[in-house]
């Protein structure tokens, strides 16, 4: 079974779990390990993985509230951190991009919270 087949089969479920405020302990560790494996197997997936984590969290909501709980934001940041740590080539660029977005007055509060 190729990585593409695995990715297609599990990615939607994984990204639903990622958003859950209940992910902690061994479940969190397992998801972190999965993200490490995905980026180590194919570093080209780095940007797509980061985008898939950030975009839902920073999407505007009708009531102007945060899209996810503080706990979910915390776990999303942990996923992004393990991706960066395991992709040294893209870490600096990603951190610089987040700093730029945070300093931008037009950025959403959700993005700044990440």
N, C-alpha and C. Protein backbone atom coordinates (compact mmCIF):
# COMPACT_ATOMS: atom_id res chain seq x y z
N UNK A 1 0.86 -1.18 0.00
CA UNK A 1 0.00 0.00 0.00
C UNK A 1 0.90 1.24 0.00
N UNK A 2 0.65 2.16 -0.91
CA UNK A 2 1.48 3.35 -1.01
C UNK A 2 1.04 4.42 -0.01
N UNK A 3 1.94 5.37 0.21
CA UNK A 3 1.63 6.46 1.13
C UNK A 3 0.44 7.28 0.64
N UNK A 4 0.29 7.41 -0.68
CA UNK A 4 -0.84 8.17 -1.22
C UNK A 4 -2.17 7.50 -0.89
N UNK A 5 -2.21 6.18 -0.96
CA UNK A 5 -3.44 5.46 -0.62
C UNK A 5 -3.75 5.63 0.86
N UNK A 6 -2.73 5.49 1.70
CA UNK A 6 -2.91 5.67 3.14
C UNK A 6 -3.40 7.08 3.43
N UNK A 7 -2.75 8.06 2.79
CA UNK A 7 -3.12 9.46 3.01
C UNK A 7 -4.58 9.71 2.61
N UNK A 8 -4.99 9.18 1.48
CA UNK A 8 -6.37 9.37 1.03
C UNK A 8 -7.36 8.74 1.98
N UNK A 9 -7.01 7.57 2.48
CA UNK A 9 -7.92 6.82 3.34
C UNK A 9 -8.08 7.43 4.72
N UNK A 10 -7.03 8.01 5.26
CA UNK A 10 -7.11 8.46 6.66
C UNK A 10 -7.07 9.96 6.86
N UNK A 11 -6.71 10.73 5.84
CA UNK A 11 -6.48 12.16 6.08
C UNK A 11 -7.70 12.90 6.60
N UNK A 12 -8.88 12.63 6.07
CA UNK A 12 -10.04 13.37 6.56
C UNK A 12 -10.34 13.04 8.02
N UNK A 13 -10.17 11.78 8.40
CA UNK A 13 -10.39 11.39 9.79
C UNK A 13 -9.34 12.00 10.71
N UNK A 14 -8.10 12.02 10.25
CA UNK A 14 -7.02 12.59 11.05
C UNK A 14 -7.28 14.07 11.29
N UNK A 15 -7.67 14.80 10.26
CA UNK A 15 -7.87 16.24 10.43
C UNK A 15 -9.12 16.55 11.24
N UNK A 16 -10.07 15.63 11.31
CA UNK A 16 -11.20 15.80 12.24
C UNK A 16 -10.71 15.63 13.67
N UNK A 17 -9.87 14.62 13.90
CA UNK A 17 -9.32 14.40 15.23
C UNK A 17 -8.46 15.56 15.70
N UNK A 18 -7.68 16.11 14.78
CA UNK A 18 -6.78 17.22 15.10
C UNK A 18 -7.54 18.38 15.73
N UNK A 19 -8.74 18.60 15.30
CA UNK A 19 -9.54 19.73 15.78
C UNK A 19 -10.20 19.49 17.13
N UNK A 20 -10.17 18.27 17.58
CA UNK A 20 -10.87 17.92 18.81
C UNK A 20 -10.15 18.48 20.04
N UNK A 21 -10.91 19.09 20.94
CA UNK A 21 -10.30 19.57 22.19
C UNK A 21 -10.01 18.41 23.14
N UNK A 22 -10.45 17.21 22.81
CA UNK A 22 -10.28 16.06 23.69
C UNK A 22 -9.00 15.27 23.43
N UNK A 23 -8.27 15.63 22.38
CA UNK A 23 -7.05 14.90 22.05
C UNK A 23 -5.96 15.28 23.05
N UNK A 24 -5.49 14.29 23.77
CA UNK A 24 -4.41 14.48 24.73
C UNK A 24 -3.80 13.13 25.05
N UNK A 25 -2.74 13.12 25.79
CA UNK A 25 -2.12 11.87 26.20
C UNK A 25 -1.63 11.04 25.03
N UNK A 26 -1.93 9.75 25.07
CA UNK A 26 -1.44 8.82 24.06
C UNK A 26 -2.02 9.13 22.67
N UNK A 27 -3.26 9.58 22.61
CA UNK A 27 -3.85 9.93 21.31
C UNK A 27 -3.08 11.09 20.68
N UNK A 28 -2.74 12.08 21.47
CA UNK A 28 -1.96 13.21 20.97
C UNK A 28 -0.58 12.74 20.53
N UNK A 29 0.06 11.94 21.35
CA UNK A 29 1.39 11.42 21.00
C UNK A 29 1.36 10.63 19.70
N UNK A 30 0.32 9.84 19.51
CA UNK A 30 0.20 9.04 18.29
C UNK A 30 0.00 9.92 17.07
N UNK A 31 -0.82 10.96 17.19
CA UNK A 31 -1.02 11.87 16.06
C UNK A 31 0.26 12.66 15.76
N UNK A 32 0.97 13.06 16.80
CA UNK A 32 2.25 13.75 16.59
C UNK A 32 3.22 12.84 15.84
N UNK A 33 3.26 11.58 16.23
CA UNK A 33 4.13 10.61 15.56
C UNK A 33 3.72 10.41 14.10
N UNK A 34 2.42 10.43 13.85
CA UNK A 34 1.94 10.30 12.48
C UNK A 34 2.41 11.48 11.62
N UNK A 35 2.31 12.69 12.15
CA UNK A 35 2.75 13.87 11.40
C UNK A 35 4.26 13.83 11.17
N UNK A 36 5.01 13.35 12.16
CA UNK A 36 6.46 13.20 11.98
C UNK A 36 6.72 12.23 10.83
N UNK A 37 6.04 11.09 10.84
CA UNK A 37 6.25 10.09 9.80
C UNK A 37 5.88 10.64 8.42
N UNK A 38 4.76 11.35 8.35
CA UNK A 38 4.33 11.89 7.05
C UNK A 38 5.34 12.86 6.47
N UNK A 39 5.88 13.74 7.28
CA UNK A 39 6.82 14.73 6.76
C UNK A 39 8.20 14.11 6.49
N UNK A 40 8.56 13.10 7.26
CA UNK A 40 9.84 12.42 7.01
C UNK A 40 9.79 11.57 5.74
N UNK A 41 8.65 10.98 5.47
CA UNK A 41 8.50 10.16 4.27
C UNK A 41 8.51 11.02 3.02
N UNK A 42 7.83 12.16 3.11
CA UNK A 42 7.73 13.02 1.94
C UNK A 42 7.73 14.48 2.39
N UNK A 43 8.91 15.07 2.43
CA UNK A 43 9.08 16.45 2.87
C UNK A 43 8.29 17.43 1.99
N UNK A 44 7.96 17.02 0.79
CA UNK A 44 7.19 17.88 -0.11
C UNK A 44 5.77 18.10 0.38
N UNK A 45 5.32 17.26 1.29
CA UNK A 45 3.98 17.39 1.86
C UNK A 45 3.92 18.44 2.98
N UNK A 46 5.06 18.96 3.39
CA UNK A 46 5.13 19.88 4.52
C UNK A 46 4.13 21.03 4.40
N UNK A 47 4.20 21.76 3.30
CA UNK A 47 3.33 22.94 3.13
C UNK A 47 1.86 22.56 3.14
N UNK A 48 1.53 21.45 2.49
CA UNK A 48 0.13 21.01 2.46
C UNK A 48 -0.35 20.64 3.86
N UNK A 49 0.51 19.99 4.63
CA UNK A 49 0.13 19.61 5.99
C UNK A 49 -0.06 20.85 6.87
N UNK A 50 0.86 21.79 6.79
CA UNK A 50 0.73 23.02 7.59
C UNK A 50 -0.54 23.77 7.19
N UNK A 51 -0.79 23.89 5.91
CA UNK A 51 -2.00 24.58 5.45
C UNK A 51 -3.26 23.88 5.93
N UNK A 52 -3.26 22.55 5.87
CA UNK A 52 -4.43 21.79 6.31
C UNK A 52 -4.68 21.97 7.81
N UNK A 53 -3.64 22.25 8.56
CA UNK A 53 -3.80 22.50 9.99
C UNK A 53 -4.23 23.94 10.27
N UNK A 54 -3.64 24.89 9.56
CA UNK A 54 -3.87 26.31 9.85
C UNK A 54 -5.19 26.83 9.29
N UNK A 55 -5.50 26.48 8.06
CA UNK A 55 -6.67 27.07 7.40
C UNK A 55 -7.99 26.90 8.16
N UNK A 56 -8.33 25.69 8.61
CA UNK A 56 -9.60 25.58 9.35
C UNK A 56 -9.59 26.36 10.66
N UNK A 57 -8.43 26.45 11.29
CA UNK A 57 -8.34 27.15 12.58
C UNK A 57 -8.45 28.65 12.43
N UNK A 58 -8.09 29.16 11.26
CA UNK A 58 -8.09 30.61 11.07
C UNK A 58 -9.24 31.10 10.18
N UNK A 59 -10.07 30.18 9.75
CA UNK A 59 -11.20 30.58 8.91
C UNK A 59 -12.16 31.45 9.71
N UNK A 60 -12.71 32.49 9.08
CA UNK A 60 -13.65 33.34 9.80
C UNK A 60 -14.92 32.57 10.17
N UNK A 61 -15.45 32.89 11.32
CA UNK A 61 -16.70 32.28 11.76
C UNK A 61 -17.80 33.33 11.70
N UNK A 62 -19.03 32.89 11.52
CA UNK A 62 -20.14 33.86 11.40
C UNK A 62 -20.29 34.78 12.61
N UNK A 63 -20.00 34.25 13.79
CA UNK A 63 -20.18 35.05 15.00
C UNK A 63 -18.91 35.76 15.44
N UNK A 64 -17.82 35.60 14.67
CA UNK A 64 -16.58 36.28 14.99
C UNK A 64 -15.77 35.64 16.10
N UNK A 65 -16.22 34.50 16.59
CA UNK A 65 -15.52 33.79 17.65
C UNK A 65 -14.42 32.92 17.06
N UNK A 66 -13.58 32.34 17.92
CA UNK A 66 -12.56 31.41 17.47
C UNK A 66 -13.24 30.17 16.89
N UNK A 67 -12.62 29.59 15.87
CA UNK A 67 -13.17 28.40 15.22
C UNK A 67 -13.08 27.17 16.13
N UNK A 68 -12.07 27.13 16.99
CA UNK A 68 -11.84 25.97 17.84
C UNK A 68 -11.58 26.41 19.28
N UNK A 69 -11.57 25.44 20.17
CA UNK A 69 -11.28 25.72 21.58
C UNK A 69 -9.79 26.02 21.75
N UNK A 70 -9.46 26.59 22.90
CA UNK A 70 -8.04 26.87 23.20
C UNK A 70 -7.23 25.58 23.19
N UNK A 71 -7.81 24.50 23.69
CA UNK A 71 -7.11 23.21 23.70
C UNK A 71 -6.83 22.74 22.28
N UNK A 72 -7.79 22.90 21.38
CA UNK A 72 -7.58 22.49 19.98
C UNK A 72 -6.49 23.35 19.34
N UNK A 73 -6.50 24.65 19.61
CA UNK A 73 -5.43 25.52 19.09
C UNK A 73 -4.08 25.05 19.61
N UNK A 74 -4.01 24.69 20.87
CA UNK A 74 -2.76 24.23 21.47
C UNK A 74 -2.25 22.98 20.77
N UNK A 75 -3.12 22.04 20.49
CA UNK A 75 -2.67 20.82 19.83
C UNK A 75 -2.29 21.09 18.38
N UNK A 76 -3.00 21.98 17.71
CA UNK A 76 -2.65 22.32 16.33
C UNK A 76 -1.24 22.91 16.28
N UNK A 77 -0.91 23.76 17.23
CA UNK A 77 0.43 24.34 17.30
C UNK A 77 1.48 23.25 17.53
N UNK A 78 1.14 22.27 18.33
CA UNK A 78 2.08 21.16 18.56
C UNK A 78 2.32 20.38 17.27
N UNK A 79 1.28 20.16 16.48
CA UNK A 79 1.44 19.46 15.20
C UNK A 79 2.35 20.26 14.27
N UNK A 80 2.12 21.56 14.21
CA UNK A 80 2.94 22.41 13.34
C UNK A 80 4.40 22.39 13.83
N UNK A 81 4.58 22.40 15.14
CA UNK A 81 5.94 22.38 15.70
C UNK A 81 6.67 21.10 15.32
N UNK A 82 6.01 19.93 15.42
CA UNK A 82 6.71 18.69 15.06
C UNK A 82 7.00 18.63 13.56
N UNK A 83 6.12 19.22 12.77
CA UNK A 83 6.41 19.28 11.34
C UNK A 83 7.67 20.11 11.09
N UNK A 84 7.75 21.27 11.75
CA UNK A 84 8.91 22.14 11.58
C UNK A 84 10.20 21.48 12.07
N UNK A 85 10.14 20.87 13.22
CA UNK A 85 11.32 20.22 13.79
C UNK A 85 11.83 19.11 12.87
N UNK A 86 10.92 18.46 12.19
CA UNK A 86 11.30 17.34 11.34
C UNK A 86 11.46 17.72 9.88
N UNK A 87 11.47 18.99 9.60
CA UNK A 87 11.74 19.49 8.26
C UNK A 87 12.58 20.75 8.40
N UNK A 88 13.83 20.55 8.74
CA UNK A 88 14.73 21.67 9.04
C UNK A 88 14.80 22.68 7.89
N UNK A 89 14.68 22.21 6.65
CA UNK A 89 14.75 23.11 5.50
C UNK A 89 13.61 24.12 5.50
N UNK A 90 12.46 23.73 6.02
CA UNK A 90 11.29 24.59 5.94
C UNK A 90 10.95 25.27 7.26
N UNK A 91 11.66 24.93 8.32
CA UNK A 91 11.35 25.49 9.63
C UNK A 91 11.49 27.01 9.65
N UNK A 92 12.63 27.53 9.23
CA UNK A 92 12.87 28.97 9.27
C UNK A 92 11.86 29.75 8.46
N UNK A 93 11.56 29.25 7.27
CA UNK A 93 10.59 29.91 6.40
C UNK A 93 9.21 29.94 7.06
N UNK A 94 8.83 28.83 7.69
CA UNK A 94 7.51 28.74 8.33
C UNK A 94 7.42 29.68 9.52
N UNK A 95 8.44 29.70 10.35
CA UNK A 95 8.46 30.59 11.51
C UNK A 95 8.40 32.04 11.05
N UNK A 96 9.19 32.39 10.05
CA UNK A 96 9.19 33.76 9.53
C UNK A 96 7.81 34.15 8.99
N UNK A 97 7.16 33.22 8.32
CA UNK A 97 5.83 33.49 7.77
C UNK A 97 4.82 33.72 8.89
N UNK A 98 4.88 32.92 9.95
CA UNK A 98 3.97 33.12 11.08
C UNK A 98 4.23 34.47 11.76
N UNK A 99 5.50 34.82 11.94
CA UNK A 99 5.83 36.11 12.55
C UNK A 99 5.28 37.25 11.70
N UNK A 100 5.48 37.16 10.39
CA UNK A 100 4.98 38.19 9.49
C UNK A 100 3.46 38.32 9.60
N UNK A 101 2.77 37.19 9.62
CA UNK A 101 1.30 37.21 9.71
C UNK A 101 0.83 37.75 11.05
N UNK A 102 1.52 37.41 12.11
CA UNK A 102 1.14 37.88 13.44
C UNK A 102 1.30 39.39 13.54
N UNK A 103 2.36 39.91 12.94
CA UNK A 103 2.62 41.35 12.99
C UNK A 103 1.70 42.15 12.07
N UNK A 104 1.06 41.48 11.12
CA UNK A 104 0.16 42.14 10.18
C UNK A 104 -1.14 42.51 10.89
N UNK A 105 -1.46 43.78 10.93
CA UNK A 105 -2.66 44.26 11.63
C UNK A 105 -3.94 43.67 11.04
N UNK A 106 -3.89 43.24 9.78
CA UNK A 106 -5.09 42.69 9.14
C UNK A 106 -5.32 41.22 9.44
N UNK A 107 -4.36 40.56 10.10
CA UNK A 107 -4.50 39.14 10.43
C UNK A 107 -5.61 38.92 11.45
N UNK A 108 -6.26 37.77 11.34
CA UNK A 108 -7.34 37.45 12.28
C UNK A 108 -6.78 37.12 13.66
N UNK A 109 -7.62 37.28 14.65
CA UNK A 109 -7.22 36.91 16.01
C UNK A 109 -6.91 35.43 16.10
N UNK A 110 -7.63 34.61 15.34
CA UNK A 110 -7.37 33.17 15.35
C UNK A 110 -5.96 32.86 14.91
N UNK A 111 -5.49 33.53 13.88
CA UNK A 111 -4.13 33.30 13.41
C UNK A 111 -3.13 33.76 14.46
N UNK A 112 -3.39 34.89 15.08
CA UNK A 112 -2.48 35.39 16.11
C UNK A 112 -2.47 34.48 17.33
N UNK A 113 -3.59 33.80 17.59
CA UNK A 113 -3.68 32.88 18.72
C UNK A 113 -2.83 31.65 18.48
N UNK A 114 -2.71 31.24 17.21
CA UNK A 114 -1.86 30.08 16.91
C UNK A 114 -0.43 30.40 17.28
